[in-house]
Structure formats: structure tokens, C-alpha cells
Amino acid sequence: MSKRVSIAAKQSKPVPSPDAWVSAASEPAASADSEQPQPPMKRLTIDIPEDLHRALKVGCAQRDIKMADEVRRLIRSEYGHNLNT
């Protein structure tokens, strides 16, 4: 005796574009304590030496701040003085 089981093709969901995926991930979560809306964000990927990364990570851990926030602060201190935000 032989039993046959038919397997239907799995319905696939449409795959979003990479840009849509990155945009969705970088949107800040809504919080009740945020005073003003956050500006749109862009992702920046850089390569840095391992010792510099370690120093950044240790410094941020000691001050209990996120590395991304510290990098934004450093960039803003150098380039943000002419911005209206």
C-alpha cells in the first residue's frame, strides 16, 4: 500500500526593496517622551581600525551611551555648526 501526499507550492510574500528595508529599520520608534520629531536618517557605513573601534566601544560603555549616538555627536561637532537643526 502506497500513500501519496501532494505538496503545494508555498505562497511567497513580496520582497521589499533594500532601500525600503533600510528606511524601515532606521525610522525611530515613537515614544511618549520625545519632544520633537527626529529628522530623516541616512545610514553610514565606514571601516575603522580595530584599536579605534575598541576605544570607541569602551568609552561608550563606560559612559553608558550608544556608539551611534557618540559618532553622531562627533560628526555634528565638526560639521553641524552650519545646520539649522
Foldseek 3Di string as FASTA:
>chain_A
DDDDDDDDDDDDDDDDDPVVVVQVVQQDDDDPPDDDHDDRDDDDDDDDDPVVVVVLVVVCVVVVHDSVVVVVVVCCVVPVPPDPD
